[in-house]
Every structure is written in C-alpha cells, then in structure tokens.
Amino acid sequence: MLLGVDVGGTFTDAVLVDDDGCIYTAKAPSTPGLQEQGVMAAITAVLAVSEGSPTRARGAHLFEPEPATAKSHPPRARGAE
C-alpha cells in the first residue's frame, strides 16, 4: 500500500494505491496552523473510500518530500533598489 498526502492552503489531498494497484483519492479541508488535523482527516477519508482500515495503513510506505510552497513561491529580495 502506498499513501501520499499533499497539504495545500485550502484542501489537503490524500491518494492511496492498494496492493492490487487500485487508486483512491480523498480531500479534506486544510487547517492552517494545525496541518496534522487536515492530514489525518484526509487519510481517514481515503481509507473510508478504499474500505481500508487504519491497521492496514500502518504498512503504508511514507515519505516526506520538500514542501511545494518553497518551489511555488520562491522568496523575494526586499530592500532598497
């Protein structure tokens, strides 16, 4: 089982690929300042859609890539020109 989560400013998306290769998706509202709430809500939702259980999710392969925000919104120089 593979599980991916993308935390956005408005929604947190979860994608699950089960052992048979079936792909499931779910979306939950993001919670600024408490991102773990949106992450857990999205994971719970995708497990419900896939009829999976939290016990099965323990076997999921998880990884944490670099935040997309840094790539989407690079810092800008500030100061006198």
N, C-alpha and C. Protein backbone atom coordinates (compact mmCIF):
# COMPACT_ATOMS: atom_id res chain seq x y z
N MET A 1 0.84 -1.16 0.00
CA MET A 1 0.00 0.00 0.00
C MET A 1 0.89 1.23 0.00
N LEU A 2 0.54 2.20 -0.85
CA LEU A 2 1.24 3.48 -0.88
C LEU A 2 0.24 4.57 -0.53
N LEU A 3 0.68 5.52 0.28
CA LEU A 3 -0.17 6.61 0.71
C LEU A 3 0.56 7.92 0.51
N GLY A 4 -0.08 8.85 -0.18
CA GLY A 4 0.51 10.17 -0.38
C GLY A 4 -0.44 11.24 0.11
N VAL A 5 0.11 12.29 0.72
CA VAL A 5 -0.70 13.39 1.22
C VAL A 5 -0.08 14.70 0.76
N ASP A 6 -0.92 15.60 0.24
CA ASP A 6 -0.48 16.92 -0.19
C ASP A 6 -1.25 17.95 0.61
N VAL A 7 -0.54 18.73 1.40
CA VAL A 7 -1.17 19.77 2.21
C VAL A 7 -1.17 21.07 1.42
N GLY A 8 -2.35 21.56 1.13
CA GLY A 8 -2.48 22.83 0.43
C GLY A 8 -3.05 23.88 1.36
N GLY A 9 -3.18 25.08 0.86
CA GLY A 9 -3.70 26.17 1.66
C GLY A 9 -5.17 26.04 1.98
N THR A 10 -5.94 25.42 1.09
CA THR A 10 -7.38 25.27 1.29
C THR A 10 -7.77 23.83 1.57
N PHE A 11 -7.18 22.90 0.84
CA PHE A 11 -7.51 21.49 0.99
C PHE A 11 -6.25 20.65 1.17
N THR A 12 -6.42 19.53 1.85
CA THR A 12 -5.38 18.51 1.97
C THR A 12 -5.88 17.30 1.19
N ASP A 13 -5.08 16.82 0.25
CA ASP A 13 -5.46 15.69 -0.60
C ASP A 13 -4.69 14.45 -0.18
N ALA A 14 -5.36 13.31 -0.25
CA ALA A 14 -4.72 12.03 0.03
C ALA A 14 -4.96 11.09 -1.16
N VAL A 15 -3.94 10.34 -1.50
CA VAL A 15 -4.02 9.34 -2.56
C VAL A 15 -3.51 8.03 -1.99
N LEU A 16 -4.25 6.97 -2.22
CA LEU A 16 -3.86 5.65 -1.74
C LEU A 16 -3.83 4.69 -2.91
N VAL A 17 -2.76 3.92 -3.03
CA VAL A 17 -2.66 2.86 -4.03
C VAL A 17 -2.57 1.56 -3.25
N ASP A 18 -3.57 0.70 -3.43
CA ASP A 18 -3.57 -0.54 -2.65
C ASP A 18 -2.67 -1.60 -3.30
N ASP A 19 -2.59 -2.74 -2.68
CA ASP A 19 -1.69 -3.80 -3.15
C ASP A 19 -2.08 -4.34 -4.52
N ASP A 20 -3.34 -4.12 -4.93
CA ASP A 20 -3.79 -4.58 -6.25
C ASP A 20 -3.62 -3.51 -7.32
N GLY A 21 -3.10 -2.33 -6.93
CA GLY A 21 -2.88 -1.24 -7.88
C GLY A 21 -4.06 -0.32 -8.06
N CYS A 22 -5.14 -0.50 -7.28
CA CYS A 22 -6.29 0.40 -7.35
C CYS A 22 -5.93 1.72 -6.69
N ILE A 23 -6.37 2.81 -7.30
CA ILE A 23 -6.04 4.15 -6.81
C ILE A 23 -7.31 4.79 -6.24
N TYR A 24 -7.18 5.35 -5.04
CA TYR A 24 -8.26 6.03 -4.36
C TYR A 24 -7.80 7.43 -3.97
N THR A 25 -8.72 8.39 -4.01
CA THR A 25 -8.38 9.76 -3.62
C THR A 25 -9.43 10.29 -2.66
N ALA A 26 -9.04 11.26 -1.85
CA ALA A 26 -9.96 11.95 -0.96
C ALA A 26 -9.40 13.32 -0.65
N LYS A 27 -10.27 14.19 -0.18
CA LYS A 27 -9.92 15.58 0.08
C LYS A 27 -10.54 15.99 1.41
N ALA A 28 -9.81 16.80 2.17
CA ALA A 28 -10.32 17.34 3.43
C ALA A 28 -9.86 18.79 3.55
N PRO A 29 -10.60 19.60 4.27
CA PRO A 29 -10.16 20.99 4.46
C PRO A 29 -8.82 21.05 5.19
N SER A 30 -7.96 21.95 4.77
CA SER A 30 -6.71 22.18 5.48
C SER A 30 -7.00 23.04 6.71
N THR A 31 -6.17 22.88 7.71
CA THR A 31 -6.32 23.65 8.94
C THR A 31 -5.03 24.42 9.17
N PRO A 32 -4.97 25.68 8.73
CA PRO A 32 -3.74 26.46 8.92
C PRO A 32 -3.32 26.48 10.39
N GLY A 33 -2.04 26.26 10.61
CA GLY A 33 -1.51 26.22 11.97
C GLY A 33 -1.64 24.87 12.64
N LEU A 34 -2.53 24.03 12.15
CA LEU A 34 -2.72 22.68 12.69
C LEU A 34 -2.83 21.70 11.52
N GLN A 35 -1.77 21.65 10.70
CA GLN A 35 -1.82 20.85 9.48
C GLN A 35 -2.09 19.38 9.75
N GLU A 36 -1.69 18.89 10.93
CA GLU A 36 -1.90 17.48 11.23
C GLU A 36 -3.39 17.12 11.23
N GLN A 37 -4.27 18.07 11.56
CA GLN A 37 -5.70 17.80 11.55
C GLN A 37 -6.20 17.54 10.13
N GLY A 38 -5.77 18.36 9.18
CA GLY A 38 -6.15 18.15 7.79
C GLY A 38 -5.55 16.87 7.23
N VAL A 39 -4.30 16.57 7.63
CA VAL A 39 -3.64 15.35 7.16
C VAL A 39 -4.41 14.12 7.66
N MET A 40 -4.72 14.10 8.95
CA MET A 40 -5.43 12.93 9.49
C MET A 40 -6.83 12.82 8.92
N ALA A 41 -7.51 13.95 8.68
CA ALA A 41 -8.84 13.90 8.08
C ALA A 41 -8.79 13.35 6.66
N ALA A 42 -7.78 13.76 5.89
CA ALA A 42 -7.64 13.26 4.52
C ALA A 42 -7.30 11.77 4.50
N ILE A 43 -6.43 11.35 5.41
CA ILE A 43 -6.08 9.92 5.49
C ILE A 43 -7.30 9.10 5.88
N THR A 44 -8.05 9.58 6.88
CA THR A 44 -9.26 8.87 7.30
C THR A 44 -10.25 8.77 6.15
N ALA A 45 -10.39 9.87 5.39
CA ALA A 45 -11.33 9.87 4.26
C ALA A 45 -10.91 8.90 3.17
N VAL A 46 -9.62 8.87 2.83
CA VAL A 46 -9.18 7.97 1.76
C VAL A 46 -9.28 6.51 2.20
N LEU A 47 -9.06 6.25 3.48
CA LEU A 47 -9.24 4.89 3.98
C LEU A 47 -10.71 4.47 3.91
N ALA A 48 -11.61 5.41 4.20
CA ALA A 48 -13.04 5.11 4.11
C ALA A 48 -13.45 4.81 2.68
N VAL A 49 -12.94 5.60 1.73
CA VAL A 49 -13.26 5.38 0.32
C VAL A 49 -12.74 4.02 -0.15
N SER A 50 -11.55 3.65 0.32
CA SER A 50 -10.94 2.40 -0.12
C SER A 50 -11.38 1.21 0.72
N GLU A 51 -12.20 1.48 1.72
CA GLU A 51 -12.63 0.45 2.67
C GLU A 51 -11.44 -0.18 3.38
N GLY A 52 -10.39 0.60 3.54
CA GLY A 52 -9.21 0.15 4.27
C GLY A 52 -9.38 0.46 5.75
N SER A 53 -8.48 -0.07 6.53
CA SER A 53 -8.54 0.18 7.97
C SER A 53 -7.25 0.86 8.40
N PRO A 54 -7.28 1.61 9.51
CA PRO A 54 -6.05 2.22 10.00
C PRO A 54 -4.95 1.19 10.27
N THR A 55 -5.34 -0.02 10.63
CA THR A 55 -4.35 -1.07 10.87
C THR A 55 -3.59 -1.39 9.59
N ARG A 56 -4.32 -1.48 8.47
CA ARG A 56 -3.66 -1.73 7.18
C ARG A 56 -2.75 -0.58 6.79
N ALA A 57 -3.14 0.65 7.15
CA ALA A 57 -2.34 1.81 6.78
C ALA A 57 -0.99 1.82 7.46
N ARG A 58 -0.85 1.09 8.55
CA ARG A 58 0.45 1.02 9.22
C ARG A 58 1.51 0.43 8.31
N GLY A 59 1.11 -0.35 7.32
CA GLY A 59 2.06 -0.94 6.40
C GLY A 59 2.36 -0.06 5.20
N ALA A 60 1.78 1.15 5.15
CA ALA A 60 1.99 2.05 4.02
C ALA A 60 3.41 2.58 4.04
N HIS A 61 3.93 2.83 2.86
CA HIS A 61 5.26 3.42 2.72
C HIS A 61 5.09 4.93 2.68
N LEU A 62 5.67 5.63 3.63
CA LEU A 62 5.52 7.07 3.72
C LEU A 62 6.85 7.76 3.45
N PHE A 63 6.80 8.91 2.81
CA PHE A 63 8.00 9.71 2.60
C PHE A 63 7.59 11.17 2.70
N GLU A 64 8.55 12.04 2.94
CA GLU A 64 8.27 13.46 3.08
C GLU A 64 9.16 14.25 2.13
N PRO A 65 8.60 14.64 0.98
CA PRO A 65 9.40 15.44 0.05
C PRO A 65 9.50 16.88 0.55
N GLU A 66 10.27 17.69 -0.16
CA GLU A 66 10.39 19.10 0.19
C GLU A 66 9.03 19.78 0.02
N PRO A 67 8.75 20.77 0.84
CA PRO A 67 7.47 21.48 0.68
C PRO A 67 7.36 22.13 -0.69
N ALA A 68 6.19 22.01 -1.30
CA ALA A 68 5.96 22.61 -2.61
C ALA A 68 5.92 24.12 -2.52
N THR A 69 5.59 24.65 -1.36
CA THR A 69 5.48 26.10 -1.21
C THR A 69 6.78 26.79 -1.56
N ALA A 70 7.89 26.19 -1.18
CA ALA A 70 9.19 26.80 -1.46
C ALA A 70 9.44 26.89 -2.96
N LYS A 71 8.96 25.92 -3.71
CA LYS A 71 9.15 25.93 -5.15
C LYS A 71 8.12 26.81 -5.85
N SER A 72 6.89 26.82 -5.31
CA SER A 72 5.82 27.60 -5.92
C SER A 72 5.98 29.08 -5.67
N HIS A 73 6.48 29.42 -4.50
CA HIS A 73 6.60 30.81 -4.10
C HIS A 73 8.01 31.09 -3.60
N PRO A 74 8.98 31.21 -4.50
CA PRO A 74 10.35 31.46 -4.05
C PRO A 74 10.45 32.78 -3.31
N PRO A 75 11.34 32.87 -2.32
CA PRO A 75 11.48 34.13 -1.59
C PRO A 75 11.94 35.25 -2.51
N ARG A 76 11.48 36.44 -2.21
CA ARG A 76 11.85 37.61 -2.99
C ARG A 76 12.74 38.50 -2.17
N ALA A 77 13.71 39.09 -2.81
CA ALA A 77 14.61 40.01 -2.13
C ALA A 77 13.84 41.27 -1.77
N ARG A 78 14.11 41.80 -0.59
CA ARG A 78 13.46 43.03 -0.15
C ARG A 78 14.54 44.04 0.24
N GLY A 79 14.22 45.26 0.10
CA GLY A 79 15.18 46.30 0.48
C GLY A 79 15.26 47.38 -0.57
N ALA A 80 16.21 48.26 -0.38
CA ALA A 80 16.39 49.37 -1.32
C ALA A 80 16.89 48.87 -2.65
N GLU A 81 16.44 49.52 -3.69
CA GLU A 81 16.88 49.13 -5.03
C GLU A 81 17.84 50.16 -5.57
